[in-house]
Amino acid sequence: MKITVRLFAFFREGRFIEEQLEYPDRTTVAGVINDLGIDINAVGVTMISSRHCPLDAELRDGDQLGIFPMIGGG
């Protein structure tokens, strides 16, 4: 299946902003994050087609996955 992955903030460094990638059926959000070499503990928000989703959500062909880092401040 093909999904579009959009990375935000420092997750883009050394990777990409948006790319269409091929994954096997039943791939989860966490599976994509791990495949991209992103520290799962640094992820703040994940969205499938502009809707918040859990890390164990399964992706479907044509989905758009957004991965946002934790935001710190104070």
C-alpha atoms as a PDB file:
ATOM      1  CA  MET A   1       0.000   0.000   0.000  1.00  0.00           C
ATOM      2  CA  LYS A   2       1.085   3.578  -0.583  1.00  0.00           C
ATOM      3  CA  ILE A   3       0.842   6.240   2.099  1.00  0.00           C
ATOM      4  CA  THR A   4       1.946   9.853   2.193  1.00  0.00           C
ATOM      5  CA  VAL A   5       4.116  10.710   5.183  1.00  0.00           C
ATOM      6  CA  ARG A   6       4.567  14.327   6.304  1.00  0.00           C
ATOM      7  CA  LEU A   7       7.216  15.113   8.877  1.00  0.00           C
ATOM      8  CA  PHE A   8       7.252  18.268  10.976  1.00  0.00           C
ATOM      9  CA  ALA A   9       9.872  20.393  12.760  1.00  0.00           C
ATOM     10  CA  PHE A  10      13.209  18.686  13.469  1.00  0.00           C
ATOM     11  CA  PHE A  11      11.934  15.297  12.243  1.00  0.00           C
ATOM     12  CA  ARG A  12      12.583  16.678   8.738  1.00  0.00           C
ATOM     13  CA  GLU A  13      16.316  17.089   9.352  1.00  0.00           C
ATOM     14  CA  GLY A  14      18.155  14.548   7.221  1.00  0.00           C
ATOM     15  CA  ARG A  15      14.870  13.026   6.035  1.00  0.00           C
ATOM     16  CA  PHE A  16      12.154  14.786   4.034  1.00  0.00           C
ATOM     17  CA  ILE A  17       9.142  17.071   4.372  1.00  0.00           C
ATOM     18  CA  GLU A  18       6.628  14.898   2.514  1.00  0.00           C
ATOM     19  CA  GLU A  19       7.066  11.660   0.671  1.00  0.00           C
ATOM     20  CA  GLN A  20       4.910   8.859  -0.694  1.00  0.00           C
ATOM     21  CA  LEU A  21       6.127   5.548   0.692  1.00  0.00           C
ATOM     22  CA  GLU A  22       5.228   1.897   0.148  1.00  0.00           C
ATOM     23  CA  TYR A  23       4.409  -0.316   3.150  1.00  0.00           C
ATOM     24  CA  PRO A  24       2.834  -3.743   3.583  1.00  0.00           C
ATOM     25  CA  ASP A  25      -0.821  -4.034   4.612  1.00  0.00           C
ATOM     26  CA  ARG A  26      -1.467  -3.793   8.370  1.00  0.00           C
ATOM     27  CA  THR A  27       1.492  -1.481   8.951  1.00  0.00           C
ATOM     28  CA  THR A  28       0.963   0.645  12.051  1.00  0.00           C
ATOM     29  CA  VAL A  29       1.856   4.258  12.734  1.00  0.00           C
ATOM     30  CA  ALA A  30       4.551   3.052  15.154  1.00  0.00           C
ATOM     31  CA  GLY A  31       5.945   0.796  12.420  1.00  0.00           C
ATOM     32  CA  VAL A  32       6.431   3.769  10.092  1.00  0.00           C
ATOM     33  CA  ILE A  33       8.013   5.839  12.880  1.00  0.00           C
ATOM     34  CA  ASN A  34      10.456   3.035  13.662  1.00  0.00           C
ATOM     35  CA  ASP A  35      11.204   2.492   9.968  1.00  0.00           C
ATOM     36  CA  LEU A  36      12.123   6.174   9.626  1.00  0.00           C
ATOM     37  CA  GLY A  37      14.511   5.961  12.572  1.00  0.00           C
ATOM     38  CA  ILE A  38      12.533   8.419  14.675  1.00  0.00           C
ATOM     39  CA  ASP A  39      12.685   7.990  18.455  1.00  0.00           C
ATOM     40  CA  ILE A  40       9.142   6.986  19.423  1.00  0.00           C
ATOM     41  CA  ASN A  41       9.546   8.829  22.734  1.00  0.00           C
ATOM     42  CA  ALA A  42      10.127  12.105  20.851  1.00  0.00           C
ATOM     43  CA  VAL A  43       6.760  11.858  19.029  1.00  0.00           C
ATOM     44  CA  GLY A  44       4.081  14.165  20.383  1.00  0.00           C
ATOM     45  CA  VAL A  45       1.202  13.888  17.914  1.00  0.00           C
ATOM     46  CA  THR A  46       0.349  11.560  15.062  1.00  0.00           C
ATOM     47  CA  MET A  47      -2.463  12.151  12.607  1.00  0.00           C
ATOM     48  CA  ILE A  48      -4.014  10.087   9.843  1.00  0.00           C
ATOM     49  CA  SER A  49      -5.743  12.256   7.241  1.00  0.00           C
ATOM     50  CA  SER A  50      -5.827  15.226   9.678  1.00  0.00           C
ATOM     51  CA  ARG A  51      -7.294  13.246  12.598  1.00  0.00           C
ATOM     52  CA  HIS A  52      -5.430  12.368  15.768  1.00  0.00           C
ATOM     53  CA  CYS A  53      -4.555   8.686  15.958  1.00  0.00           C
ATOM     54  CA  PRO A  54      -2.813   6.290  18.358  1.00  0.00           C
ATOM     55  CA  LEU A  55       0.557   4.743  17.589  1.00  0.00           C
ATOM     56  CA  ASP A  56      -1.042   1.319  17.118  1.00  0.00           C
ATOM     57  CA  ALA A  57      -3.465   2.548  14.417  1.00  0.00           C
ATOM     58  CA  GLU A  58      -3.222   0.548  11.197  1.00  0.00           C
ATOM     59  CA  LEU A  59      -2.712   2.505   8.010  1.00  0.00           C
ATOM     60  CA  ARG A  60      -4.677   2.005   4.800  1.00  0.00           C
ATOM     61  CA  ASP A  61      -3.772   2.575   1.189  1.00  0.00           C
ATOM     62  CA  GLY A  62      -3.923   6.283   0.390  1.00  0.00           C
ATOM     63  CA  ASP A  63      -3.692   7.506   3.999  1.00  0.00           C
ATOM     64  CA  GLN A  64      -1.778  10.657   4.848  1.00  0.00           C
ATOM     65  CA  LEU A  65       0.269  10.318   8.029  1.00  0.00           C
ATOM     66  CA  GLY A  66       1.541  13.389   9.874  1.00  0.00           C
ATOM     67  CA  ILE A  67       4.203  12.967  12.545  1.00  0.00           C
ATOM     68  CA  PHE A  68       4.846  15.843  14.962  1.00  0.00           C
ATOM     69  CA  PRO A  69       7.494  16.001  17.707  1.00  0.00           C
ATOM     70  CA  MET A  70       6.878  16.839  21.352  1.00  0.00           C
ATOM     71  CA  ILE A  71       6.959  20.557  21.878  1.00  0.00           C
ATOM     72  CA  GLY A  72       8.795  21.854  24.894  1.00  0.00           C
ATOM     73  CA  GLY A  73       8.830  25.244  26.379  1.00  0.00           C
ATOM     74  CA  GLY A  74       8.259  27.135  29.471  1.00  0.00           C
END
